[in-house]
Amino acid sequence: METFDSSTSYFGSVFTAKELECIFRFCSHKIVEPGTALYCQGEPVDTLYFIETGRVALNGQGGTASRKPLGMARNGDVLGVDVFTQGALHESSAICVDRTKLRILAMKACKRFSSDHPFLAAKLITQLAECKQSENSASNSPSKVVSFFSPRGGSGK
């Protein structure tokens, strides 16, 4: 049986260990093999992915063989930052490069989490919105922004 590391740091020091533990109670665990797509560009954003270990390549427009590399997410990064934005679509495709361990907060669990812990949910939504805002202000072309949060350097591009 695989174990999941509870020491991986997400969002830098914004959340306490106790707050992350509360969020993670609503998450499922998943191990994904290399080459597996987490999501494709243009699909609805319905899941928040916390990368515990592994790397996920983010690719932009073009056919499967000609996808433009946009970034690499790794442990401690968060994908699907638009999960609380109604009607949001993924701006890139995400393909696992390595065997990747994830904590997954699916839409149904997001709603339950928001209902059970409204103040913590508001804090998470605020952090995700700030991440998205910093991406857009740092980019001259918002349509090419890749939505993920990396504690190593703000948002990923």
N, C-alpha and C. Protein backbone atom coordinates (compact mmCIF):
# COMPACT_ATOMS: atom_id res chain seq x y z
N MET A 1 0.84 -1.19 0.00
CA MET A 1 0.00 0.00 0.00
C MET A 1 0.88 1.25 0.00
N GLU A 2 0.55 2.19 -0.87
CA GLU A 2 1.29 3.44 -0.96
C GLU A 2 0.96 4.35 0.21
N THR A 3 1.95 5.08 0.68
CA THR A 3 1.69 6.07 1.71
C THR A 3 1.83 7.46 1.10
N PHE A 4 1.15 8.41 1.69
CA PHE A 4 1.20 9.77 1.22
C PHE A 4 1.88 10.62 2.26
N ASP A 5 2.73 11.51 1.80
CA ASP A 5 3.56 12.34 2.67
C ASP A 5 2.76 13.54 3.16
N SER A 6 2.61 13.64 4.45
CA SER A 6 1.85 14.76 5.00
C SER A 6 2.72 16.00 5.19
N SER A 7 4.02 15.91 4.89
CA SER A 7 4.92 17.04 5.11
C SER A 7 5.11 17.92 3.87
N THR A 8 4.54 17.52 2.72
CA THR A 8 4.67 18.35 1.52
C THR A 8 4.03 19.71 1.79
N SER A 9 4.74 20.78 1.45
CA SER A 9 4.28 22.14 1.72
C SER A 9 3.52 22.70 0.52
N TYR A 10 2.29 23.14 0.77
CA TYR A 10 1.48 23.76 -0.27
C TYR A 10 1.21 25.21 0.13
N PHE A 11 1.24 26.13 -0.82
CA PHE A 11 0.93 27.54 -0.60
C PHE A 11 1.92 28.21 0.35
N GLY A 12 3.15 27.73 0.42
CA GLY A 12 4.12 28.34 1.31
C GLY A 12 3.63 28.25 2.75
N SER A 13 3.57 29.37 3.44
CA SER A 13 3.15 29.37 4.85
C SER A 13 1.77 29.99 5.04
N VAL A 14 0.98 30.08 3.98
CA VAL A 14 -0.34 30.70 4.06
C VAL A 14 -1.28 29.90 4.96
N PHE A 15 -1.21 28.58 4.87
CA PHE A 15 -2.08 27.70 5.65
C PHE A 15 -1.28 26.99 6.73
N THR A 16 -1.90 26.84 7.90
CA THR A 16 -1.26 26.07 8.97
C THR A 16 -1.38 24.58 8.63
N ALA A 17 -0.60 23.77 9.31
CA ALA A 17 -0.67 22.32 9.12
C ALA A 17 -2.08 21.82 9.45
N LYS A 18 -2.68 22.39 10.47
CA LYS A 18 -4.03 21.99 10.87
C LYS A 18 -5.06 22.34 9.78
N GLU A 19 -4.90 23.51 9.16
CA GLU A 19 -5.81 23.90 8.08
C GLU A 19 -5.66 22.99 6.87
N LEU A 20 -4.42 22.68 6.50
CA LEU A 20 -4.21 21.76 5.38
C LEU A 20 -4.78 20.38 5.69
N GLU A 21 -4.59 19.94 6.91
CA GLU A 21 -5.14 18.64 7.32
C GLU A 21 -6.66 18.64 7.15
N CYS A 22 -7.30 19.73 7.50
CA CYS A 22 -8.75 19.85 7.34
C CYS A 22 -9.13 19.79 5.86
N ILE A 23 -8.43 20.53 5.02
CA ILE A 23 -8.70 20.50 3.58
C ILE A 23 -8.50 19.09 3.04
N PHE A 24 -7.42 18.44 3.44
CA PHE A 24 -7.09 17.12 2.90
C PHE A 24 -8.06 16.02 3.34
N ARG A 25 -8.82 16.26 4.39
CA ARG A 25 -9.84 15.27 4.79
C ARG A 25 -10.90 15.13 3.71
N PHE A 26 -11.04 16.14 2.87
CA PHE A 26 -12.04 16.12 1.80
C PHE A 26 -11.44 15.63 0.48
N CYS A 27 -10.16 15.35 0.48
CA CYS A 27 -9.46 14.91 -0.74
C CYS A 27 -9.39 13.40 -0.81
N SER A 28 -9.34 12.91 -2.03
CA SER A 28 -9.01 11.50 -2.24
C SER A 28 -7.55 11.44 -2.67
N HIS A 29 -6.96 10.26 -2.55
CA HIS A 29 -5.57 10.04 -2.99
C HIS A 29 -5.60 9.30 -4.32
N LYS A 30 -4.66 9.64 -5.15
CA LYS A 30 -4.56 8.94 -6.44
C LYS A 30 -3.11 8.87 -6.85
N ILE A 31 -2.72 7.73 -7.40
CA ILE A 31 -1.39 7.55 -7.97
C ILE A 31 -1.58 7.38 -9.47
N VAL A 32 -0.88 8.23 -10.23
CA VAL A 32 -1.05 8.26 -11.68
C VAL A 32 0.27 7.90 -12.35
N GLU A 33 0.19 7.05 -13.34
CA GLU A 33 1.39 6.58 -14.06
C GLU A 33 1.83 7.58 -15.12
N PRO A 34 3.12 7.56 -15.50
CA PRO A 34 3.63 8.46 -16.54
C PRO A 34 2.82 8.33 -17.84
N GLY A 35 2.61 9.46 -18.50
CA GLY A 35 1.89 9.48 -19.76
C GLY A 35 0.39 9.64 -19.60
N THR A 36 -0.10 9.62 -18.38
CA THR A 36 -1.54 9.75 -18.13
C THR A 36 -1.92 11.23 -18.08
N ALA A 37 -2.99 11.58 -18.78
CA ALA A 37 -3.50 12.96 -18.76
C ALA A 37 -4.40 13.16 -17.55
N LEU A 38 -4.13 14.21 -16.78
CA LEU A 38 -5.03 14.58 -15.69
C LEU A 38 -6.24 15.31 -16.25
N TYR A 39 -5.99 16.16 -17.25
CA TYR A 39 -7.06 16.88 -17.92
C TYR A 39 -6.52 17.42 -19.24
N CYS A 40 -7.43 17.80 -20.12
CA CYS A 40 -7.06 18.35 -21.43
C CYS A 40 -7.54 19.79 -21.53
N GLN A 41 -6.81 20.55 -22.33
CA GLN A 41 -7.15 21.94 -22.57
C GLN A 41 -8.59 22.02 -23.07
N GLY A 42 -9.34 22.98 -22.51
CA GLY A 42 -10.72 23.19 -22.92
C GLY A 42 -11.75 22.42 -22.11
N GLU A 43 -11.32 21.46 -21.30
CA GLU A 43 -12.25 20.73 -20.43
C GLU A 43 -12.61 21.59 -19.23
N PRO A 44 -13.80 21.36 -18.66
CA PRO A 44 -14.20 22.10 -17.46
C PRO A 44 -13.24 21.84 -16.29
N VAL A 45 -12.97 22.90 -15.52
CA VAL A 45 -12.16 22.77 -14.32
C VAL A 45 -13.09 22.28 -13.21
N ASP A 46 -12.94 21.02 -12.82
CA ASP A 46 -13.83 20.46 -11.80
C ASP A 46 -13.08 19.76 -10.67
N THR A 47 -11.75 19.94 -10.65
CA THR A 47 -10.92 19.27 -9.64
C THR A 47 -9.72 20.12 -9.31
N LEU A 48 -9.36 20.12 -8.03
CA LEU A 48 -8.14 20.77 -7.56
C LEU A 48 -7.14 19.64 -7.28
N TYR A 49 -5.96 19.72 -7.88
CA TYR A 49 -4.94 18.68 -7.75
C TYR A 49 -3.78 19.20 -6.91
N PHE A 50 -3.49 18.56 -5.80
CA PHE A 50 -2.33 18.86 -4.98
C PHE A 50 -1.28 17.80 -5.32
N ILE A 51 -0.15 18.22 -5.91
CA ILE A 51 0.89 17.26 -6.31
C ILE A 51 1.78 16.97 -5.10
N GLU A 52 1.77 15.73 -4.68
CA GLU A 52 2.60 15.33 -3.55
C GLU A 52 3.99 14.90 -4.01
N THR A 53 4.05 14.07 -5.02
CA THR A 53 5.34 13.70 -5.62
C THR A 53 5.14 13.55 -7.13
N GLY A 54 6.22 13.70 -7.86
CA GLY A 54 6.16 13.54 -9.31
C GLY A 54 6.17 14.87 -10.03
N ARG A 55 6.10 14.79 -11.36
CA ARG A 55 6.09 15.98 -12.21
C ARG A 55 4.96 15.85 -13.22
N VAL A 56 4.36 17.00 -13.54
CA VAL A 56 3.26 17.05 -14.50
C VAL A 56 3.59 18.12 -15.53
N ALA A 57 3.65 17.73 -16.80
CA ALA A 57 3.93 18.67 -17.89
C ALA A 57 2.63 19.36 -18.29
N LEU A 58 2.74 20.67 -18.47
CA LEU A 58 1.60 21.47 -18.91
C LEU A 58 1.86 21.91 -20.33
N ASN A 59 0.94 21.57 -21.22
CA ASN A 59 1.11 21.83 -22.65
C ASN A 59 -0.03 22.66 -23.18
N GLY A 60 0.28 23.50 -24.17
CA GLY A 60 -0.71 24.40 -24.75
C GLY A 60 -1.26 23.91 -26.06
N GLN A 61 -1.72 24.84 -26.86
CA GLN A 61 -2.43 24.54 -28.09
C GLN A 61 -1.58 23.81 -29.11
N GLY A 62 -2.27 23.13 -29.99
CA GLY A 62 -1.63 22.37 -31.05
C GLY A 62 -2.10 20.93 -31.00
N GLY A 63 -1.80 20.18 -32.02
CA GLY A 63 -2.16 18.76 -32.03
C GLY A 63 -1.35 18.01 -30.98
N THR A 64 -1.71 16.78 -30.75
CA THR A 64 -1.05 15.97 -29.72
C THR A 64 0.46 15.95 -29.91
N ALA A 65 0.91 15.79 -31.13
CA ALA A 65 2.35 15.70 -31.39
C ALA A 65 3.04 17.07 -31.34
N SER A 66 2.27 18.15 -31.51
CA SER A 66 2.90 19.47 -31.57
C SER A 66 2.50 20.36 -30.40
N ARG A 67 2.18 19.78 -29.28
CA ARG A 67 1.81 20.58 -28.10
C ARG A 67 2.99 21.45 -27.66
N LYS A 68 2.68 22.67 -27.32
CA LYS A 68 3.71 23.62 -26.89
C LYS A 68 3.90 23.48 -25.37
N PRO A 69 5.13 23.16 -24.92
CA PRO A 69 5.37 23.07 -23.47
C PRO A 69 5.21 24.44 -22.82
N LEU A 70 4.41 24.50 -21.76
CA LEU A 70 4.15 25.76 -21.07
C LEU A 70 4.73 25.79 -19.66
N GLY A 71 4.99 24.64 -19.09
CA GLY A 71 5.51 24.61 -17.73
C GLY A 71 5.57 23.21 -17.19
N MET A 72 6.17 23.10 -16.01
CA MET A 72 6.28 21.81 -15.34
C MET A 72 5.86 22.02 -13.88
N ALA A 73 4.85 21.29 -13.45
CA ALA A 73 4.41 21.33 -12.06
C ALA A 73 5.03 20.13 -11.34
N ARG A 74 5.34 20.32 -10.06
CA ARG A 74 5.97 19.23 -9.28
C ARG A 74 5.48 19.28 -7.84
N ASN A 75 6.06 18.42 -6.99
CA ASN A 75 5.55 18.31 -5.62
C ASN A 75 5.47 19.68 -4.94
N GLY A 76 4.33 19.88 -4.28
CA GLY A 76 4.04 21.14 -3.62
C GLY A 76 3.24 22.09 -4.49
N ASP A 77 3.10 21.80 -5.78
CA ASP A 77 2.32 22.65 -6.68
C ASP A 77 0.85 22.22 -6.66
N VAL A 78 -0.01 23.14 -7.07
CA VAL A 78 -1.44 22.90 -7.09
C VAL A 78 -1.97 23.22 -8.49
N LEU A 79 -2.68 22.27 -9.08
CA LEU A 79 -3.29 22.45 -10.40
C LEU A 79 -4.80 22.59 -10.26
N GLY A 80 -5.41 23.27 -11.19
CA GLY A 80 -6.86 23.43 -11.19
C GLY A 80 -7.31 24.58 -10.31
N VAL A 81 -6.52 25.65 -10.27
CA VAL A 81 -6.80 26.76 -9.36
C VAL A 81 -8.12 27.47 -9.65
N ASP A 82 -8.73 27.21 -10.79
CA ASP A 82 -10.01 27.83 -11.13
C ASP A 82 -11.21 26.98 -10.71
N VAL A 83 -10.99 25.98 -9.87
CA VAL A 83 -12.04 25.03 -9.52
C VAL A 83 -13.28 25.69 -8.91
N PHE A 84 -13.12 26.81 -8.22
CA PHE A 84 -14.26 27.48 -7.61
C PHE A 84 -14.88 28.52 -8.54
N THR A 85 -14.38 28.64 -9.77
CA THR A 85 -14.90 29.60 -10.74
C THR A 85 -15.88 28.89 -11.67
N GLN A 86 -17.13 29.23 -11.57
CA GLN A 86 -18.15 28.57 -12.37
C GLN A 86 -17.89 28.76 -13.85
N GLY A 87 -17.92 27.68 -14.60
CA GLY A 87 -17.75 27.71 -16.05
C GLY A 87 -16.31 27.80 -16.53
N ALA A 88 -15.34 27.74 -15.62
CA ALA A 88 -13.93 27.84 -16.02
C ALA A 88 -13.51 26.60 -16.81
N LEU A 89 -12.64 26.84 -17.80
CA LEU A 89 -12.09 25.76 -18.62
C LEU A 89 -10.58 25.72 -18.43
N HIS A 90 -10.01 24.52 -18.53
CA HIS A 90 -8.55 24.39 -18.42
C HIS A 90 -7.88 25.10 -19.58
N GLU A 91 -6.85 25.87 -19.26
CA GLU A 91 -6.12 26.65 -20.26
C GLU A 91 -4.95 25.86 -20.85
N SER A 92 -4.73 24.66 -20.34
CA SER A 92 -3.65 23.80 -20.83
C SER A 92 -4.06 22.36 -20.60
N SER A 93 -3.25 21.45 -21.10
CA SER A 93 -3.39 20.03 -20.79
C SER A 93 -2.33 19.67 -19.78
N ALA A 94 -2.62 18.70 -18.92
CA ALA A 94 -1.67 18.26 -17.89
C ALA A 94 -1.42 16.77 -18.04
N ILE A 95 -0.15 16.43 -18.31
CA ILE A 95 0.26 15.05 -18.53
C ILE A 95 1.33 14.67 -17.51
N CYS A 96 1.13 13.57 -16.81
CA CYS A 96 2.12 13.12 -15.81
C CYS A 96 3.39 12.67 -16.51
N VAL A 97 4.52 13.18 -16.05
CA VAL A 97 5.83 12.82 -16.60
C VAL A 97 6.39 11.64 -15.81
N ASP A 98 6.17 11.67 -14.50
CA ASP A 98 6.64 10.62 -13.60
C ASP A 98 5.42 9.95 -12.97
N ARG A 99 5.68 8.88 -12.24
CA ARG A 99 4.64 8.31 -11.38
C ARG A 99 4.32 9.41 -10.37
N THR A 100 3.07 9.84 -10.32
CA THR A 100 2.69 11.04 -9.57
C THR A 100 1.65 10.70 -8.51
N LYS A 101 1.95 11.13 -7.28
CA LYS A 101 1.00 10.97 -6.17
C LYS A 101 0.26 12.29 -6.00
N LEU A 102 -1.06 12.20 -5.98
CA LEU A 102 -1.91 13.38 -5.90
C LEU A 102 -2.89 13.30 -4.75
N ARG A 103 -3.25 14.46 -4.24
CA ARG A 103 -4.43 14.61 -3.40
C ARG A 103 -5.41 15.36 -4.29
N ILE A 104 -6.63 14.85 -4.39
CA ILE A 104 -7.60 15.39 -5.34
C ILE A 104 -8.82 15.89 -4.59
N LEU A 105 -9.16 17.16 -4.83
CA LEU A 105 -10.37 17.75 -4.27
C LEU A 105 -11.34 17.95 -5.43
N ALA A 106 -12.25 16.99 -5.59
CA ALA A 106 -13.21 17.04 -6.69
C ALA A 106 -14.33 18.03 -6.37
N MET A 107 -15.08 18.44 -7.39
CA MET A 107 -16.11 19.46 -7.25
C MET A 107 -17.11 19.13 -6.14
N LYS A 108 -17.58 17.90 -6.10
CA LYS A 108 -18.56 17.51 -5.07
C LYS A 108 -17.96 17.70 -3.67
N ALA A 109 -16.70 17.30 -3.51
CA ALA A 109 -16.02 17.47 -2.22
C ALA A 109 -15.76 18.95 -1.93
N CYS A 110 -15.49 19.75 -2.98
CA CYS A 110 -15.31 21.20 -2.81
C CYS A 110 -16.57 21.82 -2.21
N LYS A 111 -17.73 21.42 -2.72
CA LYS A 111 -19.00 21.95 -2.23
C LYS A 111 -19.23 21.55 -0.77
N ARG A 112 -18.94 20.31 -0.45
CA ARG A 112 -19.11 19.83 0.92
C ARG A 112 -18.13 20.55 1.86
N PHE A 113 -16.89 20.68 1.41
CA PHE A 113 -15.87 21.40 2.19
C PHE A 113 -16.31 22.84 2.44
N SER A 114 -16.79 23.51 1.41
CA SER A 114 -17.23 24.91 1.53
C SER A 114 -18.39 25.04 2.51
N SER A 115 -19.27 24.07 2.49
CA SER A 115 -20.42 24.09 3.39
C SER A 115 -20.01 23.82 4.84
N ASP A 116 -19.12 22.86 5.03
CA ASP A 116 -18.69 22.46 6.39
C ASP A 116 -17.69 23.43 7.01
N HIS A 117 -16.87 24.07 6.18
CA HIS A 117 -15.80 24.96 6.68
C HIS A 117 -15.77 26.25 5.87
N PRO A 118 -16.80 27.09 5.99
CA PRO A 118 -16.89 28.27 5.12
C PRO A 118 -15.73 29.25 5.25
N PHE A 119 -15.19 29.44 6.44
CA PHE A 119 -14.10 30.41 6.60
C PHE A 119 -12.80 29.89 5.99
N LEU A 120 -12.53 28.60 6.18
CA LEU A 120 -11.34 28.00 5.58
C LEU A 120 -11.50 27.94 4.06
N ALA A 121 -12.71 27.64 3.60
CA ALA A 121 -12.97 27.63 2.15
C ALA A 121 -12.74 29.01 1.56
N ALA A 122 -13.19 30.06 2.27
CA ALA A 122 -12.98 31.43 1.80
C ALA A 122 -11.49 31.75 1.72
N LYS A 123 -10.73 31.27 2.69
CA LYS A 123 -9.27 31.48 2.69
C LYS A 123 -8.63 30.78 1.49
N LEU A 124 -9.07 29.55 1.22
CA LEU A 124 -8.54 28.80 0.07
C LEU A 124 -8.92 29.50 -1.24
N ILE A 125 -10.16 29.90 -1.37
CA ILE A 125 -10.62 30.58 -2.58
C ILE A 125 -9.85 31.88 -2.78
N THR A 126 -9.62 32.63 -1.71
CA THR A 126 -8.86 33.88 -1.79
C THR A 126 -7.44 33.60 -2.25
N GLN A 127 -6.80 32.56 -1.71
CA GLN A 127 -5.44 32.23 -2.11
C GLN A 127 -5.38 31.84 -3.58
N LEU A 128 -6.34 31.04 -4.04
CA LEU A 128 -6.38 30.63 -5.44
C LEU A 128 -6.63 31.83 -6.35
N ALA A 129 -7.50 32.75 -5.93
CA ALA A 129 -7.78 33.95 -6.72
C ALA A 129 -6.55 34.86 -6.80
N GLU A 130 -5.83 35.00 -5.69
CA GLU A 130 -4.60 35.80 -5.70
C GLU A 130 -3.56 35.19 -6.63
N CYS A 131 -3.49 33.88 -6.61
CA CYS A 131 -2.57 33.18 -7.52
C CYS A 131 -2.93 33.49 -8.96
N LYS A 132 -4.19 33.40 -9.28
CA LYS A 132 -4.65 33.66 -10.65
C LYS A 132 -4.43 35.12 -11.03
N GLN A 133 -4.69 36.04 -10.11
CA GLN A 133 -4.49 37.46 -10.38
C GLN A 133 -3.02 37.77 -10.64
N SER A 134 -2.13 37.16 -9.86
CA SER A 134 -0.70 37.42 -10.08
C SER A 134 -0.24 36.84 -11.40
N GLU A 135 -0.84 35.74 -11.84
CA GLU A 135 -0.53 35.17 -13.16
C GLU A 135 -0.91 36.16 -14.25
N ASN A 136 -2.13 36.67 -14.15
CA ASN A 136 -2.63 37.57 -15.20
C ASN A 136 -1.86 38.88 -15.24
N SER A 137 -1.47 39.42 -14.10
CA SER A 137 -0.74 40.68 -14.10
C SER A 137 0.70 40.49 -14.57
N ALA A 138 1.23 39.27 -14.45
CA ALA A 138 2.60 39.01 -14.88
C ALA A 138 2.68 38.62 -16.35
N SER A 139 1.54 38.46 -16.98
CA SER A 139 1.51 38.01 -18.37
C SER A 139 0.97 39.10 -19.28
N ASN A 140 1.61 39.28 -20.43
CA ASN A 140 1.10 40.23 -21.41
C ASN A 140 -0.05 39.64 -22.21
N SER A 141 -0.19 38.32 -22.14
CA SER A 141 -1.23 37.63 -22.89
C SER A 141 -1.97 36.67 -21.96
N PRO A 142 -3.01 37.15 -21.26
CA PRO A 142 -3.71 36.32 -20.30
C PRO A 142 -4.23 35.01 -20.88
N SER A 143 -4.52 34.94 -22.17
CA SER A 143 -5.04 33.71 -22.74
C SER A 143 -3.99 32.61 -22.79
N LYS A 144 -2.72 32.96 -22.58
CA LYS A 144 -1.67 31.95 -22.61
C LYS A 144 -1.18 31.59 -21.21
N VAL A 145 -1.86 32.08 -20.18
CA VAL A 145 -1.45 31.81 -18.81
C VAL A 145 -1.79 30.36 -18.47
N VAL A 146 -0.90 29.73 -17.75
CA VAL A 146 -1.12 28.37 -17.28
C VAL A 146 -1.49 28.46 -15.81
N SER A 147 -2.61 27.86 -15.44
CA SER A 147 -3.11 28.00 -14.08
C SER A 147 -2.57 26.91 -13.16
N PHE A 148 -1.53 27.25 -12.42
CA PHE A 148 -1.13 26.42 -11.31
C PHE A 148 -0.35 27.25 -10.33
N PHE A 149 -0.36 26.83 -9.08
CA PHE A 149 0.32 27.55 -8.04
C PHE A 149 1.57 26.79 -7.63
N SER A 150 2.68 27.49 -7.54
CA SER A 150 3.95 26.89 -7.11
C SER A 150 4.52 27.71 -5.98
N PRO A 151 4.73 27.11 -4.79
CA PRO A 151 5.31 27.86 -3.69
C PRO A 151 6.76 28.26 -3.94
N ARG A 152 7.37 27.72 -4.98
CA ARG A 152 8.78 28.04 -5.28
C ARG A 152 8.92 29.34 -6.04
N GLY A 153 7.83 29.92 -6.50
CA GLY A 153 8.01 31.14 -7.28
C GLY A 153 6.70 31.73 -7.72
N GLY A 154 5.70 31.71 -6.87
CA GLY A 154 4.42 32.28 -7.24
C GLY A 154 3.64 31.30 -8.08
N SER A 155 3.15 31.76 -9.21
CA SER A 155 2.35 30.91 -10.08
C SER A 155 3.21 30.39 -11.22
N GLY A 156 2.81 29.26 -11.75
CA GLY A 156 3.59 28.65 -12.81
C GLY A 156 3.22 29.14 -14.16
N LYS A 157 4.22 29.26 -15.01
CA LYS A 157 3.99 29.63 -16.40
C LYS A 157 4.85 28.78 -17.27
